Amino acid sequence: MNFGASDVLMQQIVKGAPADVFASADQKAMDKVIDEKVIATGSRRDFAANSLVLIV
């Protein structure tokens, strides 16, 4: 496992680092990886989400 900033990990994958799973913290990094054609477009999945809640 390799943990780090999404953009740094994305650059490593683009430069040829092997990866089985890339879990990005933001959509922008995922878009870049797909634009570079490093991962299969159909394999992209959202696995977590959040929502803003206000309690009064």
PDB file of N, CA and C in Angstrom:
ATOM      1  N   MET A   1       0.840  -1.181   0.000  1.00  0.00           N
ATOM      2  CA  MET A   1       0.000   0.000   0.000  1.00  0.00           C
ATOM      3  C   MET A   1       0.880   1.237   0.000  1.00  0.00           C
ATOM      4  N   ASN A   2       0.407   2.221  -0.698  1.00  0.00           N
ATOM      5  CA  ASN A   2       1.125   3.476  -0.801  1.00  0.00           C
ATOM      6  C   ASN A   2       0.128   4.600  -0.524  1.00  0.00           C
ATOM      7  N   PHE A   3       0.343   5.341   0.530  1.00  0.00           N
ATOM      8  CA  PHE A   3      -0.559   6.418   0.914  1.00  0.00           C
ATOM      9  C   PHE A   3       0.112   7.754   0.643  1.00  0.00           C
ATOM     10  N   GLY A   4      -0.674   8.720   0.203  1.00  0.00           N
ATOM     11  CA  GLY A   4      -0.132  10.041  -0.040  1.00  0.00           C
ATOM     12  C   GLY A   4      -1.179  10.933  -0.664  1.00  0.00           C
ATOM     13  N   ALA A   5      -0.764  12.108  -1.055  1.00  0.00           N
ATOM     14  CA  ALA A   5      -1.666  13.055  -1.708  1.00  0.00           C
ATOM     15  C   ALA A   5      -2.128  12.481  -3.043  1.00  0.00           C
ATOM     16  N   SER A   6      -3.383  12.691  -3.373  1.00  0.00           N
ATOM     17  CA  SER A   6      -3.955  12.133  -4.602  1.00  0.00           C
ATOM     18  C   SER A   6      -3.164  12.530  -5.835  1.00  0.00           C
ATOM     19  N   ASP A   7      -2.762  13.798  -5.902  1.00  0.00           N
ATOM     20  CA  ASP A   7      -2.041  14.279  -7.078  1.00  0.00           C
ATOM     21  C   ASP A   7      -0.668  13.615  -7.208  1.00  0.00           C
ATOM     22  N   VAL A   8       0.007  13.407  -6.075  1.00  0.00           N
ATOM     23  CA  VAL A   8       1.325  12.756  -6.103  1.00  0.00           C
ATOM     24  C   VAL A   8       1.191  11.295  -6.538  1.00  0.00           C
ATOM     25  N   LEU A   9       0.221  10.600  -5.975  1.00  0.00           N
ATOM     26  CA  LEU A   9       0.005   9.203  -6.361  1.00  0.00           C
ATOM     27  C   LEU A   9      -0.406   9.098  -7.822  1.00  0.00           C
ATOM     28  N   MET A  10      -1.234  10.028  -8.276  1.00  0.00           N
ATOM     29  CA  MET A  10      -1.654  10.037  -9.673  1.00  0.00           C
ATOM     30  C   MET A  10      -0.457  10.199 -10.601  1.00  0.00           C
ATOM     31  N   GLN A  11       0.473  11.088 -10.256  1.00  0.00           N
ATOM     32  CA  GLN A  11       1.669  11.287 -11.072  1.00  0.00           C
ATOM     33  C   GLN A  11       2.522  10.020 -11.119  1.00  0.00           C
ATOM     34  N   GLN A  12       2.611   9.309  -9.991  1.00  0.00           N
ATOM     35  CA  GLN A  12       3.375   8.065  -9.961  1.00  0.00           C
ATOM     36  C   GLN A  12       2.755   7.025 -10.888  1.00  0.00           C
ATOM     37  N   ILE A  13       1.445   6.928 -10.878  1.00  0.00           N
ATOM     38  CA  ILE A  13       0.766   5.962 -11.748  1.00  0.00           C
ATOM     39  C   ILE A  13       0.959   6.336 -13.208  1.00  0.00           C
ATOM     40  N   VAL A  14       0.833   7.619 -13.522  1.00  0.00           N
ATOM     41  CA  VAL A  14       1.022   8.083 -14.902  1.00  0.00           C
ATOM     42  C   VAL A  14       2.431   7.761 -15.396  1.00  0.00           C
ATOM     43  N   LYS A  15       3.419   7.833 -14.494  1.00  0.00           N
ATOM     44  CA  LYS A  15       4.807   7.561 -14.876  1.00  0.00           C
ATOM     45  C   LYS A  15       5.144   6.075 -14.878  1.00  0.00           C
ATOM     46  N   GLY A  16       4.139   5.222 -14.586  1.00  0.00           N
ATOM     47  CA  GLY A  16       4.370   3.790 -14.720  1.00  0.00           C
ATOM     48  C   GLY A  16       4.376   2.980 -13.442  1.00  0.00           C
ATOM     49  N   ALA A  17       4.125   3.599 -12.298  1.00  0.00           N
ATOM     50  CA  ALA A  17       4.091   2.841 -11.052  1.00  0.00           C
ATOM     51  C   ALA A  17       2.923   1.853 -11.101  1.00  0.00           C
ATOM     52  N   PRO A  18       3.141   0.617 -10.673  1.00  0.00           N
ATOM     53  CA  PRO A  18       2.051  -0.360 -10.698  1.00  0.00           C
ATOM     54  C   PRO A  18       0.997  -0.016  -9.641  1.00  0.00           C
ATOM     55  N   ALA A  19      -0.267  -0.242  -9.992  1.00  0.00           N
ATOM     56  CA  ALA A  19      -1.360   0.033  -9.047  1.00  0.00           C
ATOM     57  C   ALA A  19      -2.524  -0.890  -9.349  1.00  0.00           C
ATOM     58  N   ASP A  20      -3.074  -1.479  -8.309  1.00  0.00           N
ATOM     59  CA  ASP A  20      -4.283  -2.279  -8.450  1.00  0.00           C
ATOM     60  C   ASP A  20      -5.520  -1.424  -8.206  1.00  0.00           C
ATOM     61  N   VAL A  21      -5.407  -0.487  -7.260  1.00  0.00           N
ATOM     62  CA  VAL A  21      -6.524   0.387  -6.903  1.00  0.00           C
ATOM     63  C   VAL A  21      -5.980   1.797  -6.701  1.00  0.00           C
ATOM     64  N   PHE A  22      -6.683   2.779  -7.243  1.00  0.00           N
ATOM     65  CA  PHE A  22      -6.359   4.176  -6.987  1.00  0.00           C
ATOM     66  C   PHE A  22      -7.592   4.813  -6.375  1.00  0.00           C
ATOM     67  N   ALA A  23      -7.522   5.147  -5.107  1.00  0.00           N
ATOM     68  CA  ALA A  23      -8.634   5.774  -4.388  1.00  0.00           C
ATOM     69  C   ALA A  23      -8.272   7.234  -4.146  1.00  0.00           C
ATOM     70  N   SER A  24      -8.824   8.098  -4.953  1.00  0.00           N
ATOM     71  CA  SER A  24      -8.504   9.517  -4.888  1.00  0.00           C
ATOM     72  C   SER A  24      -9.429  10.254  -3.927  1.00  0.00           C
ATOM     73  N   ALA A  25      -8.902  11.289  -3.312  1.00  0.00           N
ATOM     74  CA  ALA A  25      -9.701  12.111  -2.404  1.00  0.00           C
ATOM     75  C   ALA A  25     -10.518  13.155  -3.143  1.00  0.00           C
ATOM     76  N   ASP A  26     -10.252  13.341  -4.431  1.00  0.00           N
ATOM     77  CA  ASP A  26     -11.013  14.348  -5.166  1.00  0.00           C
ATOM     78  C   ASP A  26     -11.288  13.898  -6.596  1.00  0.00           C
ATOM     79  N   GLN A  27     -12.293  14.509  -7.178  1.00  0.00           N
ATOM     80  CA  GLN A  27     -12.698  14.170  -8.539  1.00  0.00           C
ATOM     81  C   GLN A  27     -11.665  14.628  -9.571  1.00  0.00           C
ATOM     82  N   LYS A  28     -10.989  15.737  -9.289  1.00  0.00           N
ATOM     83  CA  LYS A  28     -10.019  16.298 -10.238  1.00  0.00           C
ATOM     84  C   LYS A  28      -8.880  15.324 -10.526  1.00  0.00           C
ATOM     85  N   ALA A  29      -8.348  14.693  -9.490  1.00  0.00           N
ATOM     86  CA  ALA A  29      -7.267  13.719  -9.690  1.00  0.00           C
ATOM     87  C   ALA A  29      -7.766  12.518 -10.476  1.00  0.00           C
ATOM     88  N   MET A  30      -8.979  12.066 -10.194  1.00  0.00           N
ATOM     89  CA  MET A  30      -9.536  10.944 -10.949  1.00  0.00           C
ATOM     90  C   MET A  30      -9.718  11.310 -12.412  1.00  0.00           C
ATOM     91  N   ASP A  31     -10.178  12.534 -12.672  1.00  0.00           N
ATOM     92  CA  ASP A  31     -10.343  12.988 -14.053  1.00  0.00           C
ATOM     93  C   ASP A  31      -9.000  12.999 -14.781  1.00  0.00           C
ATOM     94  N   LYS A  32      -7.935  13.422 -14.102  1.00  0.00           N
ATOM     95  CA  LYS A  32      -6.606  13.461 -14.721  1.00  0.00           C
ATOM     96  C   LYS A  32      -6.124  12.059 -15.071  1.00  0.00           C
ATOM     97  N   VAL A  33      -6.349  11.102 -14.176  1.00  0.00           N
ATOM     98  CA  VAL A  33      -5.908   9.730 -14.432  1.00  0.00           C
ATOM     99  C   VAL A  33      -6.656   9.161 -15.633  1.00  0.00           C
ATOM    100  N   ILE A  34      -7.931   9.450 -15.736  1.00  0.00           N
ATOM    101  CA  ILE A  34      -8.706   8.975 -16.883  1.00  0.00           C
ATOM    102  C   ILE A  34      -8.259   9.682 -18.157  1.00  0.00           C
ATOM    103  N   ASP A  35      -7.997  10.997 -18.076  1.00  0.00           N
ATOM    104  CA  ASP A  35      -7.511  11.741 -19.248  1.00  0.00           C
ATOM    105  C   ASP A  35      -6.190  11.182 -19.759  1.00  0.00           C
ATOM    106  N   GLU A  36      -5.341  10.708 -18.848  1.00  0.00           N
ATOM    107  CA  GLU A  36      -4.046  10.122 -19.223  1.00  0.00           C
ATOM    108  C   GLU A  36      -4.190   8.683 -19.716  1.00  0.00           C
ATOM    109  N   LYS A  37      -5.428   8.155 -19.655  1.00  0.00           N
ATOM    110  CA  LYS A  37      -5.724   6.792 -20.106  1.00  0.00           C
ATOM    111  C   LYS A  37      -4.915   5.744 -19.341  1.00  0.00           C
ATOM    112  N   VAL A  38      -4.756   5.984 -18.038  1.00  0.00           N
ATOM    113  CA  VAL A  38      -4.013   5.069 -17.175  1.00  0.00           C
ATOM    114  C   VAL A  38      -4.941   4.037 -16.559  1.00  0.00           C
ATOM    115  N   ILE A  39      -6.207   4.403 -16.364  1.00  0.00           N
ATOM    116  CA  ILE A  39      -7.182   3.442 -15.852  1.00  0.00           C
ATOM    117  C   ILE A  39      -8.330   3.334 -16.847  1.00  0.00           C
ATOM    118  N   ALA A  40      -9.024   2.223 -16.778  1.00  0.00           N
ATOM    119  CA  ALA A  40     -10.179   2.022 -17.651  1.00  0.00           C
ATOM    120  C   ALA A  40     -11.326   2.907 -17.181  1.00  0.00           C
ATOM    121  N   THR A  41     -11.922   3.665 -18.092  1.00  0.00           N
ATOM    122  CA  THR A  41     -12.983   4.598 -17.746  1.00  0.00           C
ATOM    123  C   THR A  41     -14.139   3.904 -17.042  1.00  0.00           C
ATOM    124  N   GLY A  42     -14.523   2.735 -17.477  1.00  0.00           N
ATOM    125  CA  GLY A  42     -15.645   2.020 -16.898  1.00  0.00           C
ATOM    126  C   GLY A  42     -15.385   1.458 -15.513  1.00  0.00           C
ATOM    127  N   SER A  43     -14.126   1.477 -15.068  1.00  0.00           N
ATOM    128  CA  SER A  43     -13.807   0.908 -13.758  1.00  0.00           C
ATOM    129  C   SER A  43     -13.927   1.924 -12.630  1.00  0.00           C
ATOM    130  N   ARG A  44     -14.187   3.150 -12.951  1.00  0.00           N
ATOM    131  CA  ARG A  44     -14.284   4.214 -11.938  1.00  0.00           C
ATOM    132  C   ARG A  44     -15.579   4.064 -11.146  1.00  0.00           C
ATOM    133  N   ARG A  45     -15.454   4.078  -9.814  1.00  0.00           N
ATOM    134  CA  ARG A  45     -16.610   3.933  -8.922  1.00  0.00           C
ATOM    135  C   ARG A  45     -16.485   4.892  -7.740  1.00  0.00           C
ATOM    136  N   ASP A  46     -17.595   5.502  -7.366  1.00  0.00           N
ATOM    137  CA  ASP A  46     -17.642   6.273  -6.123  1.00  0.00           C
ATOM    138  C   ASP A  46     -17.863   5.286  -4.989  1.00  0.00           C
ATOM    139  N   PHE A  47     -17.046   5.360  -3.953  1.00  0.00           N
ATOM    140  CA  PHE A  47     -17.184   4.423  -2.848  1.00  0.00           C
ATOM    141  C   PHE A  47     -17.485   5.118  -1.523  1.00  0.00           C
ATOM    142  N   ALA A  48     -17.474   6.431  -1.521  1.00  0.00           N
ATOM    143  CA  ALA A  48     -17.788   7.180  -0.305  1.00  0.00           C
ATOM    144  C   ALA A  48     -18.397   8.516  -0.693  1.00  0.00           C
ATOM    145  N   ALA A  49     -19.213   9.039   0.182  1.00  0.00           N
ATOM    146  CA  ALA A  49     -19.833  10.342  -0.045  1.00  0.00           C
ATOM    147  C   ALA A  49     -20.110  10.987   1.307  1.00  0.00           C
ATOM    148  N   ASN A  50     -20.390  12.262   1.267  1.00  0.00           N
ATOM    149  CA  ASN A  50     -20.764  12.950   2.497  1.00  0.00           C
ATOM    150  C   ASN A  50     -21.819  13.978   2.171  1.00  0.00           C
ATOM    151  N   SER A  51     -22.448  14.484   3.206  1.00  0.00           N
ATOM    152  CA  SER A  51     -23.424  15.545   3.019  1.00  0.00           C
ATOM    153  C   SER A  51     -23.370  16.463   4.228  1.00  0.00           C
ATOM    154  N   LEU A  52     -23.716  17.694   3.987  1.00  0.00           N
ATOM    155  CA  LEU A  52     -23.719  18.698   5.034  1.00  0.00           C
ATOM    156  C   LEU A  52     -25.032  18.589   5.813  1.00  0.00           C
ATOM    157  N   VAL A  53     -24.932  18.536   7.128  1.00  0.00           N
ATOM    158  CA  VAL A  53     -26.106  18.429   7.992  1.00  0.00           C
ATOM    159  C   VAL A  53     -26.059  19.558   9.001  1.00  0.00           C
ATOM    160  N   LEU A  54     -27.158  20.239   9.181  1.00  0.00           N
ATOM    161  CA  LEU A  54     -27.266  21.315  10.151  1.00  0.00           C
ATOM    162  C   LEU A  54     -28.298  20.913  11.203  1.00  0.00           C
ATOM    163  N   ILE A  55     -27.875  20.880  12.448  1.00  0.00           N
ATOM    164  CA  ILE A  55     -28.764  20.518  13.541  1.00  0.00           C
ATOM    165  C   ILE A  55     -29.036  21.761  14.373  1.00  0.00           C
ATOM    166  N   VAL A  56     -30.308  22.064  14.535  1.00  0.00           N
ATOM    167  CA  VAL A  56     -30.687  23.237  15.338  1.00  0.00           C
ATOM    168  C   VAL A  56     -31.516  22.832  16.541  1.00  0.00           C
TER     169      VAL A  56
END
